[in-house]
Protein backbone atom coordinates (compact mmCIF):
# COMPACT_ATOMS: atom_id res chain seq x y z
CA MET A 1 5.20 -14.91 33.72
CA ALA A 2 4.75 -14.20 29.67
CA LYS A 3 3.77 -16.67 27.71
CA GLU A 4 5.31 -18.29 25.06
CA LEU A 5 4.23 -17.13 21.56
CA PHE A 6 4.34 -19.81 18.80
CA TYR A 7 4.51 -20.28 14.86
CA THR A 8 1.75 -22.06 13.40
CA ALA A 9 0.88 -23.06 9.56
CA LEU A 10 -2.29 -24.24 7.82
CA ASP A 11 -2.51 -25.78 4.33
CA ILE A 12 -6.19 -25.99 3.73
CA GLY A 13 -6.02 -28.94 1.00
CA SER A 14 -8.94 -30.37 -0.86
CA ASN A 15 -8.08 -33.56 0.51
CA LYS A 16 -6.46 -32.88 4.08
CA VAL A 17 -6.31 -29.79 6.38
CA SER A 18 -2.20 -30.04 7.82
CA SER A 19 -1.48 -27.71 10.40
CA ILE A 20 1.88 -27.00 12.45
CA VAL A 21 2.78 -25.70 15.04
CA ALA A 22 6.36 -24.77 16.41
CA ARG A 23 8.87 -22.60 17.76
CA VAL A 24 12.51 -21.77 16.91
CA GLY A 25 15.02 -22.81 19.44
CA SER A 26 18.02 -20.72 21.28
CA GLU A 27 20.61 -21.57 18.06
CA GLY A 28 17.95 -20.56 15.31
CA GLU A 29 16.71 -24.88 14.55
CA LEU A 30 13.06 -25.17 14.49
CA LYS A 31 11.15 -26.67 17.17
CA VAL A 32 8.13 -28.64 15.84
CA LEU A 33 6.05 -29.15 18.97
CA GLY A 34 2.66 -30.20 17.50
CA THR A 35 1.46 -31.76 13.96
CA GLY A 36 -2.21 -32.03 12.91
CA LEU A 37 -3.59 -33.75 9.83
CA SER A 38 -7.29 -33.97 9.15
CA ALA A 39 -9.46 -35.14 6.00
CA SER A 40 -10.94 -31.47 3.84
CA HIS A 41 -14.16 -31.05 2.95
CA GLY A 42 -15.94 -28.49 2.00
CA VAL A 43 -12.58 -27.28 -0.32
CA GLN A 44 -12.48 -27.86 -4.29
CA LYS A 45 -9.74 -27.18 -5.68
CA GLY A 46 -8.45 -24.83 -3.38
CA GLN A 47 -11.64 -22.60 -2.58
CA ILE A 48 -14.24 -23.14 -0.08
CA GLU A 49 -17.71 -23.87 -0.61
CA SER A 50 -18.64 -24.81 2.47
CA ILE A 51 -17.79 -21.94 5.49
CA GLU A 52 -19.19 -24.88 8.22
CA GLU A 53 -17.83 -28.09 6.71
CA ALA A 54 -14.31 -26.12 5.87
CA THR A 55 -14.13 -24.96 9.84
CA GLU A 56 -15.13 -27.91 11.35
CA SER A 57 -12.34 -29.35 9.40
CA ILE A 58 -9.43 -26.50 10.56
CA ARG A 59 -10.68 -27.09 13.92
CA SER A 60 -10.11 -30.83 13.83
CA SER A 61 -6.73 -30.05 12.43
CA LEU A 62 -5.69 -27.34 14.98
CA ASP A 63 -6.99 -29.14 17.70
CA GLU A 64 -4.76 -32.32 16.87
CA SER A 65 -1.10 -30.01 16.42
CA GLN A 66 -2.02 -27.80 19.77
CA ARG A 67 -2.96 -30.74 21.82
CA TYR A 68 0.33 -29.98 23.71
CA ILE A 69 0.65 -26.29 24.17
CA ALA A 70 -1.86 -25.82 26.60
CA ARG A 71 0.70 -23.25 28.40
CA GLY A 72 1.38 -21.42 25.02
CA LEU A 73 -0.29 -18.60 22.76
CA ILE A 74 -1.51 -19.32 19.03
CA SER A 75 -0.94 -15.50 17.81
CA GLY A 76 -2.11 -16.33 14.62
CA VAL A 77 -1.56 -18.88 11.52
CA TYR A 78 -0.11 -18.13 8.35
CA ALA A 79 -2.55 -20.41 5.83
CA VAL A 80 -1.83 -21.45 2.88
CA VAL A 81 -3.86 -20.49 -0.31
CA SER A 82 -4.36 -21.69 -3.65
CA GLY A 83 -7.12 -21.79 -6.79
CA SER A 84 -7.41 -20.94 -9.95
CA HIS A 85 -8.65 -17.39 -8.93
CA ILE A 86 -4.87 -16.52 -8.33
CA SER A 87 -2.96 -14.60 -10.58
CA SER A 88 -0.13 -12.68 -11.36
CA ILE A 89 1.66 -9.30 -12.83
CA ASN A 90 5.18 -7.48 -12.81
CA THR A 91 4.94 -4.30 -12.60
CA LYS A 92 7.34 -1.16 -12.60
CA SER A 93 7.36 1.95 -10.67
CA SER A 94 10.70 4.25 -9.96
CA ILE A 95 11.16 7.57 -8.36
CA GLN A 96 13.43 10.48 -9.54
CA ASN A 97 15.36 13.45 -8.19
CA VAL A 98 16.18 11.45 -5.02
CA PRO A 99 16.75 13.97 -2.72
CA ASP A 100 19.36 13.92 0.73
CA VAL A 101 22.16 14.12 -1.35
CA GLY A 102 21.10 11.92 -3.31
CA THR A 103 20.82 8.58 -0.79
CA VAL A 104 18.58 6.28 -0.88
CA THR A 105 16.42 6.25 2.11
CA PRO A 106 13.78 3.57 4.03
CA ASN A 107 11.13 6.17 3.41
CA GLN A 108 11.91 6.65 -0.30
CA LEU A 109 11.87 2.68 -0.86
CA HIS A 110 8.39 2.57 1.14
CA THR A 111 7.07 5.05 -1.31
CA LEU A 112 8.98 3.28 -4.26
CA ILE A 113 6.79 -0.02 -3.19
CA GLN A 114 3.47 1.89 -2.57
CA SER A 115 3.54 3.09 -6.00
CA ALA A 116 4.13 -1.13 -7.30
CA TYR A 117 0.61 -2.17 -6.26
CA PRO A 118 -1.75 -2.15 -9.44
CA GLY A 119 -4.87 -0.25 -9.45
CA LEU A 120 -7.75 -3.33 -8.87
CA ASP A 121 -11.50 -3.77 -8.74
CA LYS A 122 -13.36 -4.28 -5.49
CA ASN A 123 -13.57 -8.13 -6.60
CA LYS A 124 -9.52 -8.62 -6.63
CA GLU A 125 -7.35 -8.80 -3.43
CA ILE A 126 -3.40 -8.69 -3.45
CA LEU A 127 -1.59 -11.48 -1.79
CA HIS A 128 2.15 -10.28 -2.21
CA VAL A 129 4.00 -7.41 -3.57
CA ILE A 130 7.74 -8.86 -3.42
CA PRO A 131 10.46 -6.59 -5.80
CA ILE A 132 12.30 -8.25 -7.86
CA GLN A 133 15.05 -6.13 -8.70
CA TYR A 134 16.20 -2.37 -8.63
CA GLU A 135 18.01 -0.26 -11.32
CA VAL A 136 19.31 2.57 -10.42
CA ASP A 137 20.51 5.13 -12.55
CA GLY A 138 20.13 2.78 -15.39
CA LEU A 139 22.03 0.12 -14.01
CA PRO A 140 20.01 -3.28 -13.81
CA GLY A 141 20.26 -6.03 -11.42
CA VAL A 142 20.57 -4.14 -7.92
CA ARG A 143 18.98 -6.30 -4.91
CA ASN A 144 19.19 -3.25 -2.32
CA PRO A 145 19.56 0.19 -2.95
CA ALA A 146 19.04 1.30 0.31
CA GLY A 147 21.77 3.73 1.19
CA LEU A 148 23.00 3.97 -2.20
CA HIS A 149 23.70 7.23 -4.15
CA ALA A 150 21.43 7.67 -7.18
CA LYS A 151 19.10 10.08 -9.42
CA GLU A 152 16.21 7.94 -9.84
CA VAL A 153 15.87 4.24 -8.66
CA GLN A 154 13.06 2.01 -10.80
CA VAL A 155 11.91 -1.83 -9.17
CA GLU A 156 10.42 -4.28 -10.68
CA SER A 157 7.95 -5.97 -8.47
CA HIS A 158 5.87 -9.74 -8.50
CA VAL A 159 2.40 -9.24 -7.47
CA LEU A 160 0.13 -11.89 -6.99
CA MET A 161 -3.55 -11.43 -6.52
CA GLY A 162 -6.99 -13.06 -5.67
CA ASP A 163 -10.22 -12.81 -5.95
CA ALA A 164 -11.46 -11.36 -2.46
CA THR A 165 -14.80 -13.52 -1.92
CA THR A 166 -12.96 -16.69 -2.08
CA LEU A 167 -9.98 -15.13 0.23
CA ARG A 168 -12.17 -13.55 2.55
CA ASN A 169 -13.84 -17.32 2.78
CA THR A 170 -11.02 -18.43 3.62
CA VAL A 171 -10.03 -15.97 6.58
CA THR A 172 -13.34 -16.86 8.02
CA ALA A 173 -13.46 -20.49 8.00
CA ILE A 174 -9.92 -19.79 10.12
CA GLU A 175 -11.47 -17.46 12.16
CA ASN A 176 -14.62 -19.21 13.00
CA ASN A 177 -11.95 -21.53 14.97
CA LYS A 178 -11.23 -18.09 16.99
CA ILE A 179 -7.96 -17.66 15.55
CA PRO A 180 -6.02 -15.23 13.49
CA VAL A 181 -4.94 -15.27 10.55
CA ASN A 182 -1.63 -13.32 10.09
CA SER A 183 -1.01 -14.01 6.03
CA LEU A 184 -2.14 -15.51 3.44
CA VAL A 185 0.55 -17.44 1.32
CA MET A 186 0.14 -18.62 -2.12
CA GLN A 187 0.83 -22.62 -2.17
CA SER A 188 3.73 -22.75 -4.60
CA LEU A 189 5.65 -19.69 -2.63
CA ALA A 190 5.45 -21.24 0.43
CA SER A 191 6.55 -24.90 -1.07
CA ALA A 192 9.43 -22.53 -2.40
CA GLU A 193 10.51 -21.92 1.12
CA ALA A 194 10.83 -25.80 2.32
CA THR A 195 12.44 -27.00 -1.00
CA LEU A 196 14.28 -24.51 -2.99
CA THR A 197 18.05 -24.60 -2.95
CA ALA A 198 19.90 -20.80 -3.26
CA ASP A 199 21.46 -21.89 -6.42
CA GLU A 200 17.95 -23.02 -7.84
CA ARG A 201 16.55 -19.88 -7.13
CA GLU A 202 19.57 -17.48 -8.64
CA MET A 203 19.75 -19.46 -11.78
CA GLY A 204 16.48 -20.05 -12.38
CA ALA A 205 13.74 -23.22 -11.38
CA VAL A 206 9.98 -23.57 -11.89
CA LEU A 207 8.74 -24.82 -8.84
CA VAL A 208 5.64 -27.12 -9.12
CA ASP A 209 3.04 -28.27 -6.55
CA LEU A 210 1.23 -31.25 -7.58
CA GLY A 211 -1.57 -30.89 -5.18
CA SER A 212 -5.14 -33.03 -4.86
CA GLY A 213 -7.00 -29.86 -6.56
CA THR A 214 -4.64 -27.48 -8.27
CA THR A 215 -1.53 -27.66 -9.41
CA ASP A 216 0.29 -24.30 -8.19
CA LEU A 217 3.55 -23.19 -9.74
CA SER A 218 5.89 -20.54 -9.73
CA ILE A 219 9.04 -19.17 -11.89
CA PHE A 220 11.77 -18.07 -10.03
CA MET A 221 14.71 -15.93 -11.62
CA HIS A 222 17.73 -13.90 -10.16
CA GLY A 223 16.44 -15.19 -6.75
CA ASN A 224 13.06 -14.43 -7.08
CA PRO A 225 9.65 -15.58 -8.09
CA TRP A 226 8.95 -13.76 -11.36
CA TYR A 227 5.55 -15.47 -12.74
CA SER A 228 3.22 -17.35 -10.95
CA THR A 229 -0.11 -19.29 -11.74
CA VAL A 230 -2.39 -22.11 -10.78
CA ILE A 231 -4.04 -24.78 -12.74
CA PRO A 232 -6.91 -26.62 -11.87
CA VAL A 233 -6.01 -29.83 -12.29
CA GLY A 234 -4.80 -32.42 -9.20
CA GLY A 235 -4.22 -35.89 -8.37
CA SER A 236 -8.08 -35.98 -7.64
CA GLN A 237 -8.39 -36.01 -11.16
CA ILE A 238 -6.14 -38.97 -11.49
CA THR A 239 -8.14 -40.87 -8.39
CA ARG A 240 -11.61 -39.99 -10.61
CA ASP A 241 -9.87 -41.35 -13.60
CA LEU A 242 -8.92 -44.52 -12.12
CA ALA A 243 -12.26 -44.70 -10.39
CA VAL A 244 -14.18 -44.95 -13.77
CA ALA A 245 -11.42 -46.90 -15.54
CA ALA A 246 -11.30 -49.60 -12.90
CA LYS A 247 -15.19 -48.98 -11.86
CA LEU A 248 -14.17 -48.30 -8.39
CA PRO A 249 -15.60 -46.38 -5.46
CA TYR A 250 -13.20 -42.97 -5.38
CA HIS A 251 -12.01 -44.10 -1.29
CA LEU A 252 -11.18 -47.23 -3.22
CA ALA A 253 -9.12 -45.77 -6.27
CA GLU A 254 -7.30 -43.32 -3.64
CA GLU A 255 -5.85 -46.13 -2.28
CA LEU A 256 -4.84 -48.24 -5.18
CA LYS A 257 -3.27 -45.41 -6.51
CA ILE A 258 -0.80 -44.45 -3.66
CA LYS A 259 -0.37 -48.24 -2.74
CA TRP A 260 0.40 -49.25 -6.50
CA GLY A 261 0.10 -46.27 -8.70
CA HIS A 262 2.38 -46.12 -11.42
CA VAL A 263 2.80 -43.33 -14.54
CA LEU A 264 5.31 -44.89 -16.90
CA PRO A 265 2.89 -48.37 -17.62
CA GLU A 266 6.02 -49.68 -19.33
CA LEU A 267 8.07 -50.19 -16.20
CA ILE A 268 5.85 -52.42 -14.86
CA ARG A 269 6.39 -56.15 -15.33
CA ALA A 270 3.43 -57.58 -17.56
CA ASP A 271 2.63 -60.37 -15.41
CA GLN A 272 2.40 -57.93 -12.35
CA GLU A 273 -0.83 -58.25 -10.53
CA VAL A 274 -2.92 -56.27 -8.37
CA VAL A 275 -6.23 -57.76 -5.77
CA ILE A 276 -8.85 -55.47 -5.41
CA PRO A 277 -10.98 -56.07 -1.95
CA GLY A 278 -14.19 -56.75 -2.22
CA HIS A 279 -16.76 -53.71 -2.47
CA GLN A 280 -20.53 -52.58 -2.27
CA GLY A 281 -21.12 -56.59 -2.29
CA LYS A 282 -18.57 -57.54 -4.93
CA PRO A 283 -16.17 -60.18 -4.68
CA LYS A 284 -12.36 -59.21 -4.79
CA GLN A 285 -10.92 -59.18 -8.06
CA ILE A 286 -7.59 -59.65 -9.17
CA ILE A 287 -6.26 -56.95 -12.61
CA SER A 288 -3.19 -56.57 -14.15
CA ARG A 289 -0.94 -53.36 -12.92
CA ARG A 290 -0.80 -51.98 -16.09
CA SER A 291 -4.34 -51.65 -16.24
CA LEU A 292 -4.34 -49.19 -13.41
CA ALA A 293 -1.08 -47.46 -14.47
CA GLU A 294 -2.89 -46.70 -18.09
CA PRO A 295 -5.67 -44.26 -17.27
CA MET A 296 -2.87 -42.22 -14.60
CA HIS A 297 -0.56 -42.17 -17.52
CA ILE A 298 -2.88 -40.35 -19.52
CA ARG A 299 -3.71 -37.82 -17.38
CA MET A 300 -0.50 -36.98 -15.59
CA LEU A 301 0.84 -36.38 -19.20
CA GLU A 302 -1.91 -33.63 -20.12
CA VAL A 303 -1.04 -31.97 -16.71
CA ILE A 304 2.80 -31.95 -17.84
CA LYS A 305 1.63 -30.30 -20.88
CA LEU A 306 -0.22 -28.09 -19.32
CA ILE A 307 2.60 -27.18 -17.18
CA MET A 308 4.62 -26.90 -20.33
CA LEU A 309 2.08 -24.49 -22.07
CA LYS A 310 2.38 -21.95 -19.17
CA ILE A 311 5.90 -22.10 -18.86
CA THR A 312 5.87 -21.20 -22.41
CA GLN A 313 2.72 -18.28 -21.72
CA SER A 314 5.07 -16.80 -18.59
CA GLY A 315 7.59 -16.00 -22.32
CA LEU A 316 10.08 -18.51 -21.58
CA ARG A 317 11.31 -20.44 -24.52
CA GLN A 318 13.06 -23.45 -22.91
CA LEU A 319 13.12 -24.72 -18.70
CA PRO A 320 15.84 -22.58 -16.96
CA SER A 321 18.63 -23.97 -15.89
CA GLY A 322 18.15 -24.85 -12.38
CA GLY A 323 15.09 -27.06 -14.17
CA LEU A 324 11.80 -28.48 -12.99
CA ILE A 325 11.14 -29.36 -9.70
CA LEU A 326 8.20 -31.01 -8.01
CA THR A 327 6.31 -31.46 -5.10
CA GLY A 328 3.16 -31.50 -3.07
CA GLY A 329 1.24 -35.22 -2.69
CA THR A 330 0.59 -35.97 -6.11
CA ALA A 331 4.64 -35.97 -7.11
CA GLU A 332 5.31 -39.32 -5.11
CA ILE A 333 3.27 -40.69 -7.57
CA THR A 334 6.01 -44.09 -8.72
CA GLY A 335 7.66 -42.96 -12.07
CA LEU A 336 6.39 -39.55 -12.16
CA LYS A 337 10.40 -38.22 -12.12
CA GLU A 338 11.15 -40.75 -15.17
CA LEU A 339 7.82 -39.56 -17.21
CA VAL A 340 8.93 -35.92 -16.62
CA GLU A 341 12.47 -36.14 -17.89
CA LYS A 342 11.36 -38.55 -20.96
CA THR A 343 8.44 -35.62 -21.85
CA VAL A 344 10.23 -32.05 -21.20
CA GLY A 345 13.89 -32.72 -20.69
CA GLY A 346 16.26 -30.89 -18.78
CA PRO A 347 17.09 -31.69 -14.91
CA VAL A 348 13.80 -32.54 -13.08
CA ARG A 349 13.99 -33.45 -9.05
CA ILE A 350 10.84 -34.35 -6.78
CA ALA A 351 11.70 -32.10 -3.69
CA TYR A 352 10.56 -32.31 0.12
CA PRO A 353 11.36 -30.39 3.13
CA ASN A 354 15.29 -30.65 3.48
CA GLY A 355 17.90 -29.04 4.96
CA ILE A 356 15.91 -27.38 7.82
CA ALA A 357 17.71 -27.99 10.90
CA GLY A 358 15.32 -29.60 13.67
CA LEU A 359 12.34 -30.87 11.44
CA PRO A 360 11.01 -34.20 12.16
CA SER A 361 11.24 -37.12 9.65
CA GLN A 362 7.37 -37.59 9.23
CA LEU A 363 7.58 -34.05 7.89
CA ARG A 364 10.11 -34.38 5.23
CA LYS A 365 7.43 -35.51 2.55
CA PRO A 366 6.55 -33.88 -0.89
CA ALA A 367 3.02 -33.81 0.69
CA TYR A 368 4.02 -30.94 3.82
CA SER A 369 6.01 -28.73 1.35
CA ALA A 370 3.57 -26.17 1.18
CA SER A 371 2.50 -26.16 5.00
CA VAL A 372 6.44 -26.29 6.37
CA GLY A 373 6.90 -23.67 3.73
CA ALA A 374 4.15 -21.91 5.36
CA LEU A 375 5.69 -21.90 8.76
CA LEU A 376 9.36 -20.96 7.62
CA TRP A 377 7.49 -17.91 5.78
CA GLY A 378 5.80 -16.90 8.93
CA ILE A 379 9.14 -16.89 10.84
CA LYS A 380 11.21 -15.20 8.32
CA HIS A 381 8.41 -12.47 7.98
CA GLN A 382 8.38 -12.30 12.18
CA GLY A 383 7.27 -9.61 13.72
CA GLU A 384 6.08 -7.52 10.73
CA GLY A 385 2.53 -7.60 12.16
CA ARG A 386 0.88 -8.70 8.90
CA ARG A 387 -2.73 -9.27 10.01
CA TYR A 388 -4.90 -10.07 7.60
CA GLN A 389 -7.57 -6.78 6.31
CA PRO A 390 -9.66 -6.86 3.44
CA THR A 391 -7.63 -4.31 2.09
CA PRO A 392 -4.40 -5.05 -0.03
CA LYS A 393 -2.30 -2.64 1.23
CA ASN A 394 -2.53 -4.36 4.87
CA LEU A 395 -1.58 -7.79 3.59
CA TRP A 396 1.89 -6.32 2.63
CA ASN A 397 3.33 -4.31 5.46
CA TYR A 398 5.68 -1.80 3.97
CA GLN A 399 8.24 -0.48 7.02
CA SER A 400 8.58 -3.77 7.99
CA LEU A 401 9.31 -4.65 4.35
CA VAL A 402 12.25 -1.64 4.28
CA LYS A 403 13.37 -1.90 7.57
CA ARG A 404 14.17 -5.93 6.22
CA LEU A 405 15.70 -4.76 3.10
CA VAL A 406 17.70 -2.36 5.27
CA ARG A 407 18.79 -5.09 8.04
CA ASN A 408 19.74 -7.57 4.92
CA LYS A 409 22.04 -4.29 3.58
CA GLN A 410 23.73 -4.34 7.33
CA GLU A 411 24.30 -7.82 7.34
CA ILE A 412 26.17 -7.86 4.10
CA SER A 413 28.15 -4.82 4.64
CA ASN A 414 28.97 -6.63 8.47
């Protein structure tokens, strides 16, 4: 009897390593079979600093998530990646004088998408090449030209790339656990899979994943990612600010941030107090909750300004109609939605994995958006056989992409 194949998602953050093992039910629902959560060691701001420590953190998380599937087969993981080394560009390429009586064929789309790859030096790796839209004989906004009659077809693609060594270190830390890597997925793109609605993608929206070590941002326009970047500041910096301001060890500052943290001091009653447990030989003390909120407010304002700066650098003059969608563990801080609305205006929401049949309640939190999204990414791209290799073209299976485009067109036609 053949062993059952499972999908595995892995989010290697600066604070935690989360993993999910699941399969798809007979009616298309998600069947989560196991989850794993471990403290992250050897990772800073999305980058591996110690292979040995990162390997052990990954092993601990995967062992927990795979506890109940001894008879199954983990065919590989879909791993979330982040870090300021990741960048994006948009490219354009075209084919002219389409043969075969002017009908656009899968082979021609294959060639077209291949030509969208930019020339890179040996220090860079391609993560994703995602078609944004096609232009057919001067008509823009075409979603899928397969089967259309045309003389010229042009594609605009969103290309994400990262430092080759950094990505290789991530792959090595995973493969040290004797599990192959199916694909690396940028954090904000993974989170978008689990949180963005179809309407938000179409109207245009800014997805921001506020992690512990980084803040990942992707702008969606007309249904597809259009701009992506990573800001090397996250929730851990807020914790450090709080530790310095209150003269606390980091772990205690983290606990207070989660339990009593707030980024709008004016919304806290002046008489509200917080008890800080005794530590390092010091007795317990009572402080104003506002005094905890003030350094958090200052740092979060800085992060918001950096987010708006990146949006401006993308070429947008204002937030798109779909607004600003915030997710990630740091998005759970009390008062964040109100602070962002007050600072930037426009629609803002805190997002978590939602609208996914079969998803357990414990995963419906902003902190799990990236890991759930990576799982959905793997299911969405099932059968493409995109095993990671240190070669750009192996990171995106052209033929499988073309087949999916043709399949989508057939489904629309039917």
